[in-house]
Amino acid sequence: MNRLLLALCVLSMAACSSLDSFVFDPKQEDYHFSTAVIPASNATVIELRVGSRKVYGVHAFHTPASSAKMLYFHGNYQSLNYYFNRIEMYWELGFDVFAIDYEGYGKSEGTPSEAAILDDAAAAFQVATGSLGWRASDIVIYGFSLGSVPAVDQSAWHACRLLFLEAPIGDADSIADGGSPLDVPGGFVAVSSYDNIARIRSSQNRLIVIQGTADRKLPWEQSGKRVYDAATVEKRCRWLPGVDHGDIPGQIGRETYKSLLMELMAGW
């Protein structure tokens, strides 16, 4: 009986909990961006206001400005310092790139949560189409891993060039399947839903999804493939044999990664 009561207590606590504390792994720090690829004169830190909080992003641009625009939402780890090498690759492909740090990441104020990063993403889109002067029809919304959640959400609200997802979250269950410390279904424990599978049905933008078939954090058949299958728009995918979650460019090679992106976006 005591073991049963203990189990019921654990499950009761889990049912009222959120995956937010498990999902986010931020690092608060100042920015130190490399100038090896993008000159310092072509990368500007931008301050956004999200309610009473300051949220920061970086705008990497060409001179003169490129007609290809990318709004980039990064994964759950550290800050923009960690993801700047990706921004460099997209910049090398000819994109002007705007990427933000979610609340609690980098210099951004606040505490990360699913609700917070959706608000952050909405503010980022307003800046992109406002003070940066981007046309929505030129924007590739790119979401990597956790960044797929704000990316899909913004794609549901705005008509853009396309939505590009790399190793995306499927829903709370796919997060739990990939390593939740609670051995119960993700949908049971999560107050937050992280439900890209449901949200993708509201997006009218063309879709590209790439993911490794050896992804141990977000198993591709429960995450990327289910998101892809749920989309009702024109779409393309590439499932990468033997590739894990965290560093697709590092595993397939930087130049191969860039070529893959251009191949999939060709004509779109």
C-alpha atoms as a PDB file:
ATOM      1  CA  MET A   1       0.000   0.000   0.000  1.00  0.00           C
ATOM      2  CA  ASN A   2       2.814   2.433   0.861  1.00  0.00           C
ATOM      3  CA  ARG A   3       4.409   1.881  -2.541  1.00  0.00           C
ATOM      4  CA  LEU A   4       1.058   2.524  -4.219  1.00  0.00           C
ATOM      5  CA  LEU A   5       0.576   5.759  -2.285  1.00  0.00           C
ATOM      6  CA  LEU A   6       4.082   6.894  -3.202  1.00  0.00           C
ATOM      7  CA  ALA A   7       3.441   6.176  -6.852  1.00  0.00           C
ATOM      8  CA  LEU A   8       0.157   8.097  -6.742  1.00  0.00           C
ATOM      9  CA  CYS A   9       1.891  11.074  -5.117  1.00  0.00           C
ATOM     10  CA  VAL A  10       4.592  11.130  -7.785  1.00  0.00           C
ATOM     11  CA  LEU A  11       2.021  10.933 -10.564  1.00  0.00           C
ATOM     12  CA  SER A  12      -0.082  13.653  -8.958  1.00  0.00           C
ATOM     13  CA  MET A  13       2.901  15.985  -8.777  1.00  0.00           C
ATOM     14  CA  ALA A  14       3.832  15.169 -12.368  1.00  0.00           C
ATOM     15  CA  ALA A  15       0.327  15.887 -13.608  1.00  0.00           C
ATOM     16  CA  CYS A  16       0.570  19.448 -12.280  1.00  0.00           C
ATOM     17  CA  SER A  17       4.066  20.044 -13.586  1.00  0.00           C
ATOM     18  CA  SER A  18       5.380  21.493 -16.798  1.00  0.00           C
ATOM     19  CA  LEU A  19       8.071  20.318 -19.159  1.00  0.00           C
ATOM     20  CA  ASP A  20       9.498  23.856 -19.180  1.00  0.00           C
ATOM     21  CA  SER A  21      12.003  23.150 -16.397  1.00  0.00           C
ATOM     22  CA  PHE A  22      13.254  20.109 -18.309  1.00  0.00           C
ATOM     23  CA  VAL A  23      13.269  21.630 -21.784  1.00  0.00           C
ATOM     24  CA  PHE A  24      15.253  24.824 -21.233  1.00  0.00           C
ATOM     25  CA  ASP A  25      19.010  24.952 -20.634  1.00  0.00           C
ATOM     26  CA  PRO A  26      19.890  28.656 -20.877  1.00  0.00           C
ATOM     27  CA  LYS A  27      23.121  30.492 -20.230  1.00  0.00           C
ATOM     28  CA  GLN A  28      23.053  34.170 -19.336  1.00  0.00           C
ATOM     29  CA  GLU A  29      26.072  35.945 -20.744  1.00  0.00           C
ATOM     30  CA  ASP A  30      27.268  38.878 -22.813  1.00  0.00           C
ATOM     31  CA  TYR A  31      27.831  38.418 -26.537  1.00  0.00           C
ATOM     32  CA  HIS A  32      31.179  37.668 -28.125  1.00  0.00           C
ATOM     33  CA  PHE A  33      30.532  36.994 -31.801  1.00  0.00           C
ATOM     34  CA  SER A  34      33.304  35.883 -34.109  1.00  0.00           C
ATOM     35  CA  THR A  35      34.256  38.190 -36.979  1.00  0.00           C
ATOM     36  CA  ALA A  36      35.986  35.436 -38.980  1.00  0.00           C
ATOM     37  CA  VAL A  37      33.061  35.112 -41.412  1.00  0.00           C
ATOM     38  CA  ILE A  38      30.735  38.044 -40.754  1.00  0.00           C
ATOM     39  CA  PRO A  39      32.515  41.392 -40.347  1.00  0.00           C
ATOM     40  CA  ALA A  40      31.734  43.273 -37.158  1.00  0.00           C
ATOM     41  CA  SER A  41      30.210  46.038 -39.291  1.00  0.00           C
ATOM     42  CA  ASN A  42      27.651  43.524 -40.616  1.00  0.00           C
ATOM     43  CA  ALA A  43      26.329  42.191 -37.290  1.00  0.00           C
ATOM     44  CA  THR A  44      24.262  44.333 -34.942  1.00  0.00           C
ATOM     45  CA  VAL A  45      22.774  43.447 -31.563  1.00  0.00           C
ATOM     46  CA  ILE A  46      19.132  44.536 -31.364  1.00  0.00           C
ATOM     47  CA  GLU A  47      17.087  45.147 -28.233  1.00  0.00           C
ATOM     48  CA  LEU A  48      13.412  44.146 -28.307  1.00  0.00           C
ATOM     49  CA  ARG A  49      10.706  44.866 -25.747  1.00  0.00           C
ATOM     50  CA  VAL A  50       8.441  41.994 -24.748  1.00  0.00           C
ATOM     51  CA  GLY A  51       6.108  43.425 -22.142  1.00  0.00           C
ATOM     52  CA  SER A  52       8.339  44.864 -19.439  1.00  0.00           C
ATOM     53  CA  ARG A  53      11.296  42.677 -20.401  1.00  0.00           C
ATOM     54  CA  LYS A  54      14.250  43.312 -22.669  1.00  0.00           C
ATOM     55  CA  VAL A  55      14.991  40.564 -25.185  1.00  0.00           C
ATOM     56  CA  TYR A  56      18.039  40.636 -27.422  1.00  0.00           C
ATOM     57  CA  GLY A  57      18.796  39.429 -30.905  1.00  0.00           C
ATOM     58  CA  VAL A  58      21.470  39.743 -33.562  1.00  0.00           C
ATOM     59  CA  HIS A  59      20.972  40.956 -37.117  1.00  0.00           C
ATOM     60  CA  ALA A  60      23.621  39.693 -39.561  1.00  0.00           C
ATOM     61  CA  PHE A  61      23.208  41.496 -42.871  1.00  0.00           C
ATOM     62  CA  HIS A  62      24.824  42.026 -46.238  1.00  0.00           C
ATOM     63  CA  THR A  63      25.809  45.348 -47.756  1.00  0.00           C
ATOM     64  CA  PRO A  64      23.809  46.075 -49.821  1.00  0.00           C
ATOM     65  CA  ALA A  65      20.956  44.187 -48.161  1.00  0.00           C
ATOM     66  CA  SER A  66      20.081  40.761 -49.483  1.00  0.00           C
ATOM     67  CA  SER A  67      16.580  39.968 -50.743  1.00  0.00           C
ATOM     68  CA  ALA A  68      16.794  36.587 -48.948  1.00  0.00           C
ATOM     69  CA  LYS A  69      15.767  36.892 -45.297  1.00  0.00           C
ATOM     70  CA  MET A  70      15.893  34.362 -42.469  1.00  0.00           C
ATOM     71  CA  LEU A  71      14.213  34.640 -39.081  1.00  0.00           C
ATOM     72  CA  TYR A  72      16.102  32.057 -37.029  1.00  0.00           C
ATOM     73  CA  PHE A  73      14.937  30.426 -33.787  1.00  0.00           C
ATOM     74  CA  HIS A  74      17.639  28.422 -32.019  1.00  0.00           C
ATOM     75  CA  GLY A  75      17.614  25.333 -29.804  1.00  0.00           C
ATOM     76  CA  ASN A  76      17.359  25.012 -26.036  1.00  0.00           C
ATOM     77  CA  TYR A  77      21.059  25.272 -25.183  1.00  0.00           C
ATOM     78  CA  GLN A  78      23.129  28.229 -23.912  1.00  0.00           C
ATOM     79  CA  SER A  79      22.687  31.383 -26.046  1.00  0.00           C
ATOM     80  CA  LEU A  80      23.298  33.034 -29.422  1.00  0.00           C
ATOM     81  CA  ASN A  81      27.044  32.747 -28.791  1.00  0.00           C
ATOM     82  CA  TYR A  82      26.667  28.979 -29.220  1.00  0.00           C
ATOM     83  CA  TYR A  83      24.556  29.240 -32.382  1.00  0.00           C
ATOM     84  CA  PHE A  84      26.481  32.007 -34.132  1.00  0.00           C
ATOM     85  CA  ASN A  85      28.357  29.488 -36.286  1.00  0.00           C
ATOM     86  CA  ARG A  86      25.005  28.526 -37.790  1.00  0.00           C
ATOM     87  CA  ILE A  87      24.153  32.154 -38.440  1.00  0.00           C
ATOM     88  CA  GLU A  88      27.481  32.402 -40.264  1.00  0.00           C
ATOM     89  CA  MET A  89      26.495  29.535 -42.569  1.00  0.00           C
ATOM     90  CA  TYR A  90      23.118  31.047 -43.421  1.00  0.00           C
ATOM     91  CA  TRP A  91      24.821  34.395 -44.029  1.00  0.00           C
ATOM     92  CA  GLU A  92      27.290  32.653 -46.353  1.00  0.00           C
ATOM     93  CA  LEU A  93      24.293  31.291 -48.276  1.00  0.00           C
ATOM     94  CA  GLY A  94      23.238  34.885 -48.955  1.00  0.00           C
ATOM     95  CA  PHE A  95      20.664  35.425 -46.210  1.00  0.00           C
ATOM     96  CA  ASP A  96      20.278  38.451 -44.030  1.00  0.00           C
ATOM     97  CA  VAL A  97      19.633  36.725 -40.693  1.00  0.00           C
ATOM     98  CA  PHE A  98      17.782  37.903 -37.608  1.00  0.00           C
ATOM     99  CA  ALA A  99      18.027  35.584 -34.580  1.00  0.00           C
ATOM    100  CA  ILE A 100      16.878  36.145 -31.017  1.00  0.00           C
ATOM    101  CA  ASP A 101      17.762  34.852 -27.577  1.00  0.00           C
ATOM    102  CA  TYR A 102      14.660  33.776 -25.671  1.00  0.00           C
ATOM    103  CA  GLU A 103      13.904  35.159 -22.243  1.00  0.00           C
ATOM    104  CA  GLY A 104      16.565  34.018 -19.789  1.00  0.00           C
ATOM    105  CA  TYR A 105      19.108  33.359 -22.558  1.00  0.00           C
ATOM    106  CA  GLY A 106      22.170  35.478 -23.284  1.00  0.00           C
ATOM    107  CA  LYS A 107      21.399  39.069 -22.311  1.00  0.00           C
ATOM    108  CA  SER A 108      17.627  38.590 -22.459  1.00  0.00           C
ATOM    109  CA  GLU A 109      15.646  39.214 -19.296  1.00  0.00           C
ATOM    110  CA  GLY A 110      12.930  37.002 -17.874  1.00  0.00           C
ATOM    111  CA  THR A 111      12.360  33.291 -17.445  1.00  0.00           C
ATOM    112  CA  PRO A 112      11.988  30.892 -20.378  1.00  0.00           C
ATOM    113  CA  SER A 113       8.741  29.026 -20.898  1.00  0.00           C
ATOM    114  CA  GLU A 114       6.701  27.939 -23.881  1.00  0.00           C
ATOM    115  CA  ALA A 115       4.425  30.959 -23.499  1.00  0.00           C
ATOM    116  CA  ALA A 116       7.407  33.299 -23.173  1.00  0.00           C
ATOM    117  CA  ILE A 117       9.226  32.086 -26.274  1.00  0.00           C
ATOM    118  CA  LEU A 118       6.035  32.424 -28.327  1.00  0.00           C
ATOM    119  CA  ASP A 119       5.764  36.050 -27.170  1.00  0.00           C
ATOM    120  CA  ASP A 120       9.464  36.573 -27.946  1.00  0.00           C
ATOM    121  CA  ALA A 121       8.990  35.174 -31.441  1.00  0.00           C
ATOM    122  CA  ALA A 122       6.000  37.428 -32.129  1.00  0.00           C
ATOM    123  CA  ALA A 123       8.070  40.451 -31.097  1.00  0.00           C
ATOM    124  CA  ALA A 124      10.922  39.288 -33.337  1.00  0.00           C
ATOM    125  CA  PHE A 125       8.611  39.029 -36.346  1.00  0.00           C
ATOM    126  CA  GLN A 126       7.320  42.539 -35.675  1.00  0.00           C
ATOM    127  CA  VAL A 127      10.873  43.875 -35.603  1.00  0.00           C
ATOM    128  CA  ALA A 128      11.792  41.990 -38.786  1.00  0.00           C
ATOM    129  CA  THR A 129       8.862  43.405 -40.742  1.00  0.00           C
ATOM    130  CA  GLY A 130       8.976  46.750 -38.946  1.00  0.00           C
ATOM    131  CA  SER A 131      12.285  48.437 -38.185  1.00  0.00           C
ATOM    132  CA  LEU A 132      14.307  46.003 -40.326  1.00  0.00           C
ATOM    133  CA  GLY A 133      11.956  46.584 -43.247  1.00  0.00           C
ATOM    134  CA  TRP A 134      11.671  42.955 -44.340  1.00  0.00           C
ATOM    135  CA  ARG A 135       8.779  41.813 -46.494  1.00  0.00           C
ATOM    136  CA  ALA A 136       7.041  38.771 -45.044  1.00  0.00           C
ATOM    137  CA  SER A 137       7.060  37.110 -48.465  1.00  0.00           C
ATOM    138  CA  ASP A 138      10.889  37.131 -48.431  1.00  0.00           C
ATOM    139  CA  ILE A 139      11.263  35.494 -45.014  1.00  0.00           C
ATOM    140  CA  VAL A 140      12.336  31.930 -44.377  1.00  0.00           C
ATOM    141  CA  ILE A 141      11.241  31.093 -40.834  1.00  0.00           C
ATOM    142  CA  TYR A 142      13.831  28.599 -39.593  1.00  0.00           C
ATOM    143  CA  GLY A 143      13.421  26.621 -36.377  1.00  0.00           C
ATOM    144  CA  PHE A 144      15.997  24.233 -34.967  1.00  0.00           C
ATOM    145  CA  SER A 145      14.892  21.760 -32.261  1.00  0.00           C
ATOM    146  CA  LEU A 146      13.176  23.841 -29.538  1.00  0.00           C
ATOM    147  CA  GLY A 147      13.146  26.704 -32.034  1.00  0.00           C
ATOM    148  CA  SER A 148      10.659  24.734 -34.103  1.00  0.00           C
ATOM    149  CA  VAL A 149       7.945  25.673 -31.576  1.00  0.00           C
ATOM    150  CA  PRO A 150       8.087  29.468 -32.095  1.00  0.00           C
ATOM    151  CA  ALA A 151       8.839  28.911 -35.791  1.00  0.00           C
ATOM    152  CA  VAL A 152       5.693  26.850 -36.382  1.00  0.00           C
ATOM    153  CA  ASP A 153       3.646  29.266 -34.294  1.00  0.00           C
ATOM    154  CA  GLN A 154       4.778  32.292 -36.326  1.00  0.00           C
ATOM    155  CA  SER A 155       4.224  30.374 -39.552  1.00  0.00           C
ATOM    156  CA  ALA A 156       0.608  29.847 -38.496  1.00  0.00           C
ATOM    157  CA  TRP A 157       0.152  33.624 -38.213  1.00  0.00           C
ATOM    158  CA  HIS A 158       2.076  34.936 -41.219  1.00  0.00           C
ATOM    159  CA  ALA A 159       2.354  34.187 -44.937  1.00  0.00           C
ATOM    160  CA  CYS A 160       6.085  33.865 -45.626  1.00  0.00           C
ATOM    161  CA  ARG A 161       8.431  32.394 -48.220  1.00  0.00           C
ATOM    162  CA  LEU A 162       8.600  29.067 -46.371  1.00  0.00           C
ATOM    163  CA  LEU A 163       8.981  27.317 -43.031  1.00  0.00           C
ATOM    164  CA  PHE A 164      12.173  25.293 -42.520  1.00  0.00           C
ATOM    165  CA  LEU A 165      12.368  22.929 -39.544  1.00  0.00           C
ATOM    166  CA  GLU A 166      15.489  21.089 -38.442  1.00  0.00           C
ATOM    167  CA  ALA A 167      15.099  18.233 -35.916  1.00  0.00           C
ATOM    168  CA  PRO A 168      11.762  19.642 -34.748  1.00  0.00           C
ATOM    169  CA  ILE A 169       9.732  18.797 -31.674  1.00  0.00           C
ATOM    170  CA  GLY A 170       6.570  16.837 -32.422  1.00  0.00           C
ATOM    171  CA  ASP A 171       4.706  17.402 -29.166  1.00  0.00           C
ATOM    172  CA  ALA A 172       5.158  16.810 -25.436  1.00  0.00           C
ATOM    173  CA  ASP A 173       5.141  13.054 -25.963  1.00  0.00           C
ATOM    174  CA  SER A 174       8.080  13.247 -28.367  1.00  0.00           C
ATOM    175  CA  ILE A 175      10.067  15.212 -25.771  1.00  0.00           C
ATOM    176  CA  ALA A 176       9.308  12.600 -23.138  1.00  0.00           C
ATOM    177  CA  ASP A 177      10.201   9.784 -25.536  1.00  0.00           C
ATOM    178  CA  GLY A 178      13.557  11.425 -26.119  1.00  0.00           C
ATOM    179  CA  GLY A 179      14.643  11.471 -22.492  1.00  0.00           C
ATOM    180  CA  SER A 180      12.182  12.940 -20.033  1.00  0.00           C
ATOM    181  CA  PRO A 181      13.209  12.075 -16.449  1.00  0.00           C
ATOM    182  CA  LEU A 182       9.590  11.065 -15.784  1.00  0.00           C
ATOM    183  CA  ASP A 183       8.689   7.626 -17.073  1.00  0.00           C
ATOM    184  CA  VAL A 184       5.109   8.596 -17.957  1.00  0.00           C
ATOM    185  CA  PRO A 185       3.582   9.918 -21.185  1.00  0.00           C
ATOM    186  CA  GLY A 186       4.642  13.465 -21.975  1.00  0.00           C
ATOM    187  CA  GLY A 187       1.055  14.525 -22.631  1.00  0.00           C
ATOM    188  CA  PHE A 188       0.202  13.522 -19.027  1.00  0.00           C
ATOM    189  CA  VAL A 189       2.942  15.506 -17.318  1.00  0.00           C
ATOM    190  CA  ALA A 190       2.988  18.591 -19.493  1.00  0.00           C
ATOM    191  CA  VAL A 191       1.076  21.755 -18.761  1.00  0.00           C
ATOM    192  CA  SER A 192       2.824  23.193 -21.808  1.00  0.00           C
ATOM    193  CA  SER A 193       2.035  21.343 -25.024  1.00  0.00           C
ATOM    194  CA  TYR A 194       4.875  22.106 -27.460  1.00  0.00           C
ATOM    195  CA  ASP A 195       2.397  20.712 -29.987  1.00  0.00           C
ATOM    196  CA  ASN A 196       3.858  21.332 -33.437  1.00  0.00           C
ATOM    197  CA  ILE A 197       1.824  18.441 -34.828  1.00  0.00           C
ATOM    198  CA  ALA A 198      -1.400  20.314 -34.112  1.00  0.00           C
ATOM    199  CA  ARG A 199      -0.088  23.812 -34.896  1.00  0.00           C
ATOM    200  CA  ILE A 200       1.421  22.878 -38.269  1.00  0.00           C
ATOM    201  CA  ARG A 201      -2.089  22.326 -39.609  1.00  0.00           C
ATOM    202  CA  SER A 202      -2.712  26.076 -39.286  1.00  0.00           C
ATOM    203  CA  SER A 203       0.336  27.007 -41.369  1.00  0.00           C
ATOM    204  CA  GLN A 204      -0.177  27.784 -45.051  1.00  0.00           C
ATOM    205  CA  ASN A 205       3.529  28.213 -45.785  1.00  0.00           C
ATOM    206  CA  ARG A 206       5.484  25.680 -47.792  1.00  0.00           C
ATOM    207  CA  LEU A 207       7.389  23.363 -45.480  1.00  0.00           C
ATOM    208  CA  ILE A 208      10.832  21.744 -45.380  1.00  0.00           C
ATOM    209  CA  VAL A 209      11.820  19.308 -42.624  1.00  0.00           C
ATOM    210  CA  ILE A 210      15.219  17.691 -42.080  1.00  0.00           C
ATOM    211  CA  GLN A 211      16.182  15.325 -39.269  1.00  0.00           C
ATOM    212  CA  GLY A 212      18.584  12.509 -38.519  1.00  0.00           C
ATOM    213  CA  THR A 213      17.234   8.991 -38.219  1.00  0.00           C
ATOM    214  CA  ALA A 214      19.535   8.360 -35.238  1.00  0.00           C
ATOM    215  CA  ASP A 215      18.167  11.331 -33.284  1.00  0.00           C
ATOM    216  CA  ARG A 216      18.204  10.256 -29.626  1.00  0.00           C
ATOM    217  CA  LYS A 217      16.677  13.423 -28.144  1.00  0.00           C
ATOM    218  CA  LEU A 218      13.677  13.691 -30.458  1.00  0.00           C
ATOM    219  CA  PRO A 219      13.146  10.352 -32.225  1.00  0.00           C
ATOM    220  CA  TRP A 220      12.418  11.309 -35.821  1.00  0.00           C
ATOM    221  CA  GLU A 221       9.440   9.010 -36.343  1.00  0.00           C
ATOM    222  CA  GLN A 222       7.695  10.555 -33.314  1.00  0.00           C
ATOM    223  CA  SER A 223       8.732  14.135 -34.049  1.00  0.00           C
ATOM    224  CA  GLY A 224       9.886  15.382 -37.455  1.00  0.00           C
ATOM    225  CA  LYS A 225       8.026  12.786 -39.496  1.00  0.00           C
ATOM    226  CA  ARG A 226       4.760  13.321 -37.624  1.00  0.00           C
ATOM    227  CA  VAL A 227       5.023  17.096 -38.071  1.00  0.00           C
ATOM    228  CA  TYR A 228       5.757  16.595 -41.764  1.00  0.00           C
ATOM    229  CA  ASP A 229       2.876  14.152 -42.223  1.00  0.00           C
ATOM    230  CA  ALA A 230       0.444  16.494 -40.451  1.00  0.00           C
ATOM    231  CA  ALA A 231       1.214  19.439 -42.739  1.00  0.00           C
ATOM    232  CA  THR A 232      -1.275  19.967 -45.567  1.00  0.00           C
ATOM    233  CA  VAL A 233       0.889  22.320 -47.644  1.00  0.00           C
ATOM    234  CA  GLU A 234       3.442  21.751 -50.401  1.00  0.00           C
ATOM    235  CA  LYS A 235       6.368  20.175 -48.592  1.00  0.00           C
ATOM    236  CA  ARG A 236       9.775  18.550 -48.849  1.00  0.00           C
ATOM    237  CA  CYS A 237      11.800  16.488 -46.387  1.00  0.00           C
ATOM    238  CA  ARG A 238      15.162  14.802 -45.967  1.00  0.00           C
ATOM    239  CA  TRP A 239      15.761  12.094 -43.369  1.00  0.00           C
ATOM    240  CA  LEU A 240      19.494  11.751 -42.755  1.00  0.00           C
ATOM    241  CA  PRO A 241      20.596   8.146 -42.061  1.00  0.00           C
ATOM    242  CA  GLY A 242      22.683   7.648 -38.911  1.00  0.00           C
ATOM    243  CA  VAL A 243      22.667  11.339 -37.956  1.00  0.00           C
ATOM    244  CA  ASP A 244      21.939  12.375 -34.356  1.00  0.00           C
ATOM    245  CA  HIS A 245      20.183  15.457 -33.031  1.00  0.00           C
ATOM    246  CA  GLY A 246      22.536  18.190 -31.930  1.00  0.00           C
ATOM    247  CA  ASP A 247      24.934  18.997 -34.729  1.00  0.00           C
ATOM    248  CA  ILE A 248      23.778  18.042 -38.215  1.00  0.00           C
ATOM    249  CA  PRO A 249      26.265  20.426 -39.890  1.00  0.00           C
ATOM    250  CA  GLY A 250      29.110  18.888 -37.906  1.00  0.00           C
ATOM    251  CA  GLN A 251      28.073  15.333 -38.727  1.00  0.00           C
ATOM    252  CA  ILE A 252      27.442  15.696 -42.458  1.00  0.00           C
ATOM    253  CA  GLY A 253      29.959  18.492 -43.014  1.00  0.00           C
ATOM    254  CA  ARG A 254      29.515  22.246 -43.209  1.00  0.00           C
ATOM    255  CA  GLU A 255      29.562  22.467 -47.001  1.00  0.00           C
ATOM    256  CA  THR A 256      27.282  19.434 -47.414  1.00  0.00           C
ATOM    257  CA  TYR A 257      24.844  21.004 -44.963  1.00  0.00           C
ATOM    258  CA  LYS A 258      24.808  24.290 -46.874  1.00  0.00           C
ATOM    259  CA  SER A 259      24.346  22.449 -50.177  1.00  0.00           C
ATOM    260  CA  LEU A 260      21.470  20.437 -48.700  1.00  0.00           C
ATOM    261  CA  LEU A 261      19.672  23.585 -47.583  1.00  0.00           C
ATOM    262  CA  MET A 262      20.050  25.224 -50.988  1.00  0.00           C
ATOM    263  CA  GLU A 263      18.926  22.058 -52.770  1.00  0.00           C
ATOM    264  CA  LEU A 264      15.775  21.812 -50.668  1.00  0.00           C
ATOM    265  CA  MET A 265      14.947  25.514 -51.014  1.00  0.00           C
ATOM    266  CA  ALA A 266      15.610  25.629 -54.761  1.00  0.00           C
ATOM    267  CA  GLY A 267      12.681  27.167 -56.611  1.00  0.00           C
ATOM    268  CA  TRP A 268      10.991  28.246 -53.372  1.00  0.00           C
END
